[in-house]
């Protein structure tokens, strides 16, 4: 399965648009020499300084979120709950901290590797949730700031999920802006997280 990599210009749009347009695209990971491919089925948009749920709410700038202020098309990988990595893509433009959290994906290739990384789970659970997704694809601290147009981690073009099959809902696991409908997922996909 060879697909062209999404160009940096794909990410140079607002987070809400990118979050919807990522549905159906492919995450390709060649971490540790093992190729894994998964199709994005669930995302969440974080709209920068005016979004109270964003790591950059109010213009907050820290060592942890610094990559959000950089060029679009880079990975923003952070540690949460003292045990899990989460994978985001930086959007918008340099200086504006928009990002999209990749919440869930459908495993397509390298399932044996994903199973080994995640333990013996049903395939539909391998990447159903941000922490599971990062673990299944081998995404961790070393990928923070990585340009998503090159190996070992990139997003590839594929048929996007059509608008009629996209669902929006409030984001999951946040305390602020809890009713903003910025979570997007593919209707009917068994690989969406159980939010």
C-alpha atoms as a PDB file:
ATOM      1  CA  UNK A   1       0.000   0.000   0.000  1.00  0.00           C
ATOM      2  CA  UNK A   2       1.951   3.026  -1.264  1.00  0.00           C
ATOM      3  CA  UNK A   3       0.287   6.404  -0.910  1.00  0.00           C
ATOM      4  CA  UNK A   4       1.622   9.914  -1.242  1.00  0.00           C
ATOM      5  CA  UNK A   5       2.407  11.689   2.003  1.00  0.00           C
ATOM      6  CA  UNK A   6       0.175  14.565   2.992  1.00  0.00           C
ATOM      7  CA  UNK A   7       2.068  17.800   2.283  1.00  0.00           C
ATOM      8  CA  UNK A   8       2.751  20.417   4.925  1.00  0.00           C
ATOM      9  CA  UNK A   9       0.105  22.622   3.275  1.00  0.00           C
ATOM     10  CA  UNK A  10      -2.556  20.070   4.313  1.00  0.00           C
ATOM     11  CA  UNK A  11      -1.958  21.020   7.952  1.00  0.00           C
ATOM     12  CA  UNK A  12      -1.707  24.772   7.329  1.00  0.00           C
ATOM     13  CA  UNK A  13      -5.439  25.250   7.915  1.00  0.00           C
ATOM     14  CA  UNK A  14      -7.551  25.710  11.012  1.00  0.00           C
ATOM     15  CA  UNK A  15      -7.677  22.758  13.403  1.00  0.00           C
ATOM     16  CA  UNK A  16     -11.408  22.148  12.963  1.00  0.00           C
ATOM     17  CA  UNK A  17     -11.024  21.759   9.189  1.00  0.00           C
ATOM     18  CA  UNK A  18      -7.939  19.555   9.497  1.00  0.00           C
ATOM     19  CA  UNK A  19      -9.623  17.371  12.149  1.00  0.00           C
ATOM     20  CA  UNK A  20     -12.495  16.594   9.785  1.00  0.00           C
ATOM     21  CA  UNK A  21     -10.263  16.154   6.737  1.00  0.00           C
ATOM     22  CA  UNK A  22      -7.965  13.704   8.540  1.00  0.00           C
ATOM     23  CA  UNK A  23     -10.792  11.160   8.810  1.00  0.00           C
ATOM     24  CA  UNK A  24      -9.988   8.378   6.354  1.00  0.00           C
ATOM     25  CA  UNK A  25      -6.316   9.354   5.930  1.00  0.00           C
ATOM     26  CA  UNK A  26      -3.549   6.931   6.865  1.00  0.00           C
ATOM     27  CA  UNK A  27      -1.000   7.047   9.661  1.00  0.00           C
ATOM     28  CA  UNK A  28       2.169   5.242   8.594  1.00  0.00           C
ATOM     29  CA  UNK A  29       4.746   4.309  11.215  1.00  0.00           C
ATOM     30  CA  UNK A  30       8.057   2.600  10.522  1.00  0.00           C
ATOM     31  CA  UNK A  31       9.267   2.851  14.119  1.00  0.00           C
ATOM     32  CA  UNK A  32      11.871   0.195  15.014  1.00  0.00           C
ATOM     33  CA  UNK A  33      11.835  -0.987  11.387  1.00  0.00           C
ATOM     34  CA  UNK A  34       8.286  -2.332  11.677  1.00  0.00           C
ATOM     35  CA  UNK A  35       5.774  -0.886   9.228  1.00  0.00           C
ATOM     36  CA  UNK A  36       2.321  -0.244  10.657  1.00  0.00           C
ATOM     37  CA  UNK A  37      -0.547   1.500   8.887  1.00  0.00           C
ATOM     38  CA  UNK A  38      -3.823   2.644  10.411  1.00  0.00           C
ATOM     39  CA  UNK A  39      -6.761   4.600   8.976  1.00  0.00           C
ATOM     40  CA  UNK A  40      -7.872   7.608  11.041  1.00  0.00           C
ATOM     41  CA  UNK A  41     -11.476   7.254  12.270  1.00  0.00           C
ATOM     42  CA  UNK A  42     -11.631   9.740  15.172  1.00  0.00           C
ATOM     43  CA  UNK A  43     -10.080  13.141  15.918  1.00  0.00           C
ATOM     44  CA  UNK A  44     -10.500  16.171  18.167  1.00  0.00           C
ATOM     45  CA  UNK A  45      -9.711  19.781  17.272  1.00  0.00           C
ATOM     46  CA  UNK A  46      -8.039  22.183  19.705  1.00  0.00           C
ATOM     47  CA  UNK A  47      -8.368  25.765  18.550  1.00  0.00           C
ATOM     48  CA  UNK A  48      -5.429  27.505  20.180  1.00  0.00           C
ATOM     49  CA  UNK A  49      -5.386  30.340  22.721  1.00  0.00           C
ATOM     50  CA  UNK A  50      -9.143  30.981  22.628  1.00  0.00           C
ATOM     51  CA  UNK A  51      -9.975  27.325  23.372  1.00  0.00           C
ATOM     52  CA  UNK A  52     -10.115  26.780  27.151  1.00  0.00           C
ATOM     53  CA  UNK A  53      -9.425  23.034  26.692  1.00  0.00           C
ATOM     54  CA  UNK A  54      -6.259  23.586  24.652  1.00  0.00           C
ATOM     55  CA  UNK A  55      -2.804  23.154  26.171  1.00  0.00           C
ATOM     56  CA  UNK A  56      -2.235  26.685  24.814  1.00  0.00           C
ATOM     57  CA  UNK A  57      -5.383  28.220  26.373  1.00  0.00           C
ATOM     58  CA  UNK A  58      -4.949  31.917  27.053  1.00  0.00           C
ATOM     59  CA  UNK A  59      -1.687  31.937  25.109  1.00  0.00           C
ATOM     60  CA  UNK A  60       0.032  29.655  27.648  1.00  0.00           C
ATOM     61  CA  UNK A  61       3.463  28.688  26.332  1.00  0.00           C
ATOM     62  CA  UNK A  62       5.572  26.042  28.077  1.00  0.00           C
ATOM     63  CA  UNK A  63       8.366  23.618  27.268  1.00  0.00           C
ATOM     64  CA  UNK A  64       5.694  20.908  26.930  1.00  0.00           C
ATOM     65  CA  UNK A  65       3.521  22.712  24.361  1.00  0.00           C
ATOM     66  CA  UNK A  66       6.237  24.694  22.531  1.00  0.00           C
ATOM     67  CA  UNK A  67       5.928  22.525  19.411  1.00  0.00           C
ATOM     68  CA  UNK A  68       2.302  23.723  19.045  1.00  0.00           C
ATOM     69  CA  UNK A  69       3.662  27.195  18.276  1.00  0.00           C
ATOM     70  CA  UNK A  70       5.902  25.886  15.512  1.00  0.00           C
ATOM     71  CA  UNK A  71       5.285  25.098  11.870  1.00  0.00           C
ATOM     72  CA  UNK A  72       2.174  23.117  10.938  1.00  0.00           C
ATOM     73  CA  UNK A  73       2.599  19.480   9.975  1.00  0.00           C
ATOM     74  CA  UNK A  74       4.628  18.445  12.998  1.00  0.00           C
ATOM     75  CA  UNK A  75       3.813  15.884  15.662  1.00  0.00           C
ATOM     76  CA  UNK A  76       2.871  17.126  19.110  1.00  0.00           C
ATOM     77  CA  UNK A  77       3.363  14.150  21.435  1.00  0.00           C
ATOM     78  CA  UNK A  78       2.776  14.545  25.144  1.00  0.00           C
ATOM     79  CA  UNK A  79       2.641  12.336  28.224  1.00  0.00           C
ATOM     80  CA  UNK A  80      -0.626  12.200  30.151  1.00  0.00           C
ATOM     81  CA  UNK A  81      -1.826  10.635  33.401  1.00  0.00           C
ATOM     82  CA  UNK A  82       1.788   9.735  34.152  1.00  0.00           C
ATOM     83  CA  UNK A  83       1.654   6.717  31.855  1.00  0.00           C
ATOM     84  CA  UNK A  84       0.384   7.355  28.293  1.00  0.00           C
ATOM     85  CA  UNK A  85       1.568   9.152  25.162  1.00  0.00           C
ATOM     86  CA  UNK A  86      -0.910  11.039  22.965  1.00  0.00           C
ATOM     87  CA  UNK A  87      -0.325  11.915  19.298  1.00  0.00           C
ATOM     88  CA  UNK A  88      -1.453  15.251  17.846  1.00  0.00           C
ATOM     89  CA  UNK A  89      -0.719  17.083  14.620  1.00  0.00           C
ATOM     90  CA  UNK A  90       0.108  20.792  14.689  1.00  0.00           C
ATOM     91  CA  UNK A  91      -2.142  22.908  12.454  1.00  0.00           C
ATOM     92  CA  UNK A  92      -2.746  26.496  11.373  1.00  0.00           C
ATOM     93  CA  UNK A  93       0.462  28.547  11.101  1.00  0.00           C
ATOM     94  CA  UNK A  94       3.708  29.110  12.971  1.00  0.00           C
ATOM     95  CA  UNK A  95       3.015  31.186  16.064  1.00  0.00           C
ATOM     96  CA  UNK A  96      -0.602  30.017  16.388  1.00  0.00           C
ATOM     97  CA  UNK A  97      -1.001  26.868  18.523  1.00  0.00           C
ATOM     98  CA  UNK A  98      -3.732  24.866  16.796  1.00  0.00           C
ATOM     99  CA  UNK A  99      -3.635  21.077  17.027  1.00  0.00           C
ATOM    100  CA  UNK A 100      -5.625  17.936  16.295  1.00  0.00           C
ATOM    101  CA  UNK A 101      -5.571  14.947  18.637  1.00  0.00           C
ATOM    102  CA  UNK A 102      -5.749  11.648  16.755  1.00  0.00           C
ATOM    103  CA  UNK A 103      -8.138   9.688  18.995  1.00  0.00           C
ATOM    104  CA  UNK A 104      -8.601   6.408  17.114  1.00  0.00           C
ATOM    105  CA  UNK A 105      -7.666   4.534  13.960  1.00  0.00           C
ATOM    106  CA  UNK A 106      -8.495   1.313  12.151  1.00  0.00           C
ATOM    107  CA  UNK A 107      -5.429  -0.980  11.968  1.00  0.00           C
ATOM    108  CA  UNK A 108      -4.694  -2.005   8.374  1.00  0.00           C
ATOM    109  CA  UNK A 109      -1.118  -3.235   8.209  1.00  0.00           C
ATOM    110  CA  UNK A 110       1.372  -4.518  10.781  1.00  0.00           C
ATOM    111  CA  UNK A 111      -1.301  -5.908  13.088  1.00  0.00           C
ATOM    112  CA  UNK A 112       1.111  -8.473  14.558  1.00  0.00           C
ATOM    113  CA  UNK A 113       3.411  -5.627  15.633  1.00  0.00           C
ATOM    114  CA  UNK A 114       0.490  -3.659  17.058  1.00  0.00           C
ATOM    115  CA  UNK A 115      -0.715  -6.717  18.981  1.00  0.00           C
ATOM    116  CA  UNK A 116       2.762  -7.242  20.416  1.00  0.00           C
ATOM    117  CA  UNK A 117       2.966  -3.594  21.513  1.00  0.00           C
ATOM    118  CA  UNK A 118      -0.544  -3.549  22.966  1.00  0.00           C
ATOM    119  CA  UNK A 119      -0.952  -7.092  24.248  1.00  0.00           C
ATOM    120  CA  UNK A 120      -3.558  -9.576  23.093  1.00  0.00           C
ATOM    121  CA  UNK A 121      -6.601  -7.423  22.418  1.00  0.00           C
ATOM    122  CA  UNK A 122      -9.375  -7.585  19.877  1.00  0.00           C
ATOM    123  CA  UNK A 123      -8.193  -5.835  16.702  1.00  0.00           C
ATOM    124  CA  UNK A 124     -10.923  -3.212  17.043  1.00  0.00           C
ATOM    125  CA  UNK A 125      -9.360  -2.127  20.361  1.00  0.00           C
ATOM    126  CA  UNK A 126      -5.723  -1.901  19.218  1.00  0.00           C
ATOM    127  CA  UNK A 127      -5.907   1.815  18.360  1.00  0.00           C
ATOM    128  CA  UNK A 128      -9.314   2.792  19.821  1.00  0.00           C
ATOM    129  CA  UNK A 129      -8.324   5.709  22.033  1.00  0.00           C
ATOM    130  CA  UNK A 130      -5.398   8.133  21.971  1.00  0.00           C
ATOM    131  CA  UNK A 131      -3.125   6.199  24.348  1.00  0.00           C
ATOM    132  CA  UNK A 132      -3.838   2.870  22.628  1.00  0.00           C
ATOM    133  CA  UNK A 133      -3.186   4.429  19.228  1.00  0.00           C
ATOM    134  CA  UNK A 134       0.181   5.862  20.253  1.00  0.00           C
ATOM    135  CA  UNK A 135       1.259   2.579  21.833  1.00  0.00           C
ATOM    136  CA  UNK A 136       0.111   0.451  18.872  1.00  0.00           C
ATOM    137  CA  UNK A 137       2.017   2.636  16.409  1.00  0.00           C
ATOM    138  CA  UNK A 138       5.114   3.011  18.597  1.00  0.00           C
ATOM    139  CA  UNK A 139       4.654   6.776  18.983  1.00  0.00           C
ATOM    140  CA  UNK A 140       6.464   8.291  21.973  1.00  0.00           C
ATOM    141  CA  UNK A 141       8.522  11.260  23.182  1.00  0.00           C
ATOM    142  CA  UNK A 142      11.128  10.939  20.412  1.00  0.00           C
ATOM    143  CA  UNK A 143       8.448  11.848  17.856  1.00  0.00           C
ATOM    144  CA  UNK A 144       7.528  15.169  19.469  1.00  0.00           C
ATOM    145  CA  UNK A 145       8.302  17.887  16.898  1.00  0.00           C
ATOM    146  CA  UNK A 146       8.829  15.352  14.095  1.00  0.00           C
ATOM    147  CA  UNK A 147       7.886  16.599  10.601  1.00  0.00           C
ATOM    148  CA  UNK A 148       4.970  14.408   9.495  1.00  0.00           C
ATOM    149  CA  UNK A 149       6.128  14.413   5.870  1.00  0.00           C
ATOM    150  CA  UNK A 150       9.004  12.005   6.494  1.00  0.00           C
ATOM    151  CA  UNK A 151       9.892   8.664   8.071  1.00  0.00           C
ATOM    152  CA  UNK A 152       9.540   7.130  10.561  1.00  0.00           C
ATOM    153  CA  UNK A 153       6.074   8.664  11.057  1.00  0.00           C
ATOM    154  CA  UNK A 154       3.855  10.349   8.496  1.00  0.00           C
ATOM    155  CA  UNK A 155       0.288  10.724   7.313  1.00  0.00           C
ATOM    156  CA  UNK A 156      -0.592   9.520   3.837  1.00  0.00           C
ATOM    157  CA  UNK A 157      -3.337  10.424   1.437  1.00  0.00           C
ATOM    158  CA  UNK A 158      -6.347   8.136   1.167  1.00  0.00           C
ATOM    159  CA  UNK A 159     -10.040   8.545   0.458  1.00  0.00           C
ATOM    160  CA  UNK A 160     -11.393  10.980   3.066  1.00  0.00           C
ATOM    161  CA  UNK A 161     -14.550  10.091   4.942  1.00  0.00           C
ATOM    162  CA  UNK A 162     -17.425  11.877   3.137  1.00  0.00           C
ATOM    163  CA  UNK A 163     -19.292  14.579   5.060  1.00  0.00           C
ATOM    164  CA  UNK A 164     -22.450  12.448   5.267  1.00  0.00           C
ATOM    165  CA  UNK A 165     -20.516   9.810   7.274  1.00  0.00           C
ATOM    166  CA  UNK A 166     -18.818  12.267   9.647  1.00  0.00           C
ATOM    167  CA  UNK A 167     -20.286  12.795  13.101  1.00  0.00           C
ATOM    168  CA  UNK A 168     -19.394  15.635  15.454  1.00  0.00           C
ATOM    169  CA  UNK A 169     -19.817  15.596  19.215  1.00  0.00           C
ATOM    170  CA  UNK A 170     -18.288  17.173  22.324  1.00  0.00           C
ATOM    171  CA  UNK A 171     -14.670  16.306  23.074  1.00  0.00           C
ATOM    172  CA  UNK A 172     -13.808  13.616  25.609  1.00  0.00           C
ATOM    173  CA  UNK A 173     -12.056  13.812  28.967  1.00  0.00           C
ATOM    174  CA  UNK A 174     -11.774  17.582  29.282  1.00  0.00           C
ATOM    175  CA  UNK A 175     -12.970  19.995  31.960  1.00  0.00           C
ATOM    176  CA  UNK A 176     -13.344  23.201  29.922  1.00  0.00           C
ATOM    177  CA  UNK A 177     -15.477  23.899  26.839  1.00  0.00           C
ATOM    178  CA  UNK A 178     -17.079  20.508  27.409  1.00  0.00           C
ATOM    179  CA  UNK A 179     -19.969  21.188  25.039  1.00  0.00           C
ATOM    180  CA  UNK A 180     -17.948  22.366  22.023  1.00  0.00           C
ATOM    181  CA  UNK A 181     -18.628  19.855  19.191  1.00  0.00           C
ATOM    182  CA  UNK A 182     -15.001  19.430  18.124  1.00  0.00           C
ATOM    183  CA  UNK A 183     -14.730  15.636  18.237  1.00  0.00           C
ATOM    184  CA  UNK A 184     -15.166  14.072  14.808  1.00  0.00           C
ATOM    185  CA  UNK A 185     -15.549  10.417  13.958  1.00  0.00           C
ATOM    186  CA  UNK A 186     -16.653   8.077  11.194  1.00  0.00           C
ATOM    187  CA  UNK A 187     -20.258   7.003  11.612  1.00  0.00           C
ATOM    188  CA  UNK A 188     -20.576   3.248  12.081  1.00  0.00           C
ATOM    189  CA  UNK A 189     -16.874   2.522  12.535  1.00  0.00           C
ATOM    190  CA  UNK A 190     -16.228  -0.216  15.095  1.00  0.00           C
ATOM    191  CA  UNK A 191     -12.741   1.252  15.618  1.00  0.00           C
ATOM    192  CA  UNK A 192     -13.918   4.522  17.209  1.00  0.00           C
ATOM    193  CA  UNK A 193     -13.077   4.850  20.916  1.00  0.00           C
ATOM    194  CA  UNK A 194     -15.788   4.187  23.463  1.00  0.00           C
ATOM    195  CA  UNK A 195     -16.016   7.766  24.712  1.00  0.00           C
END
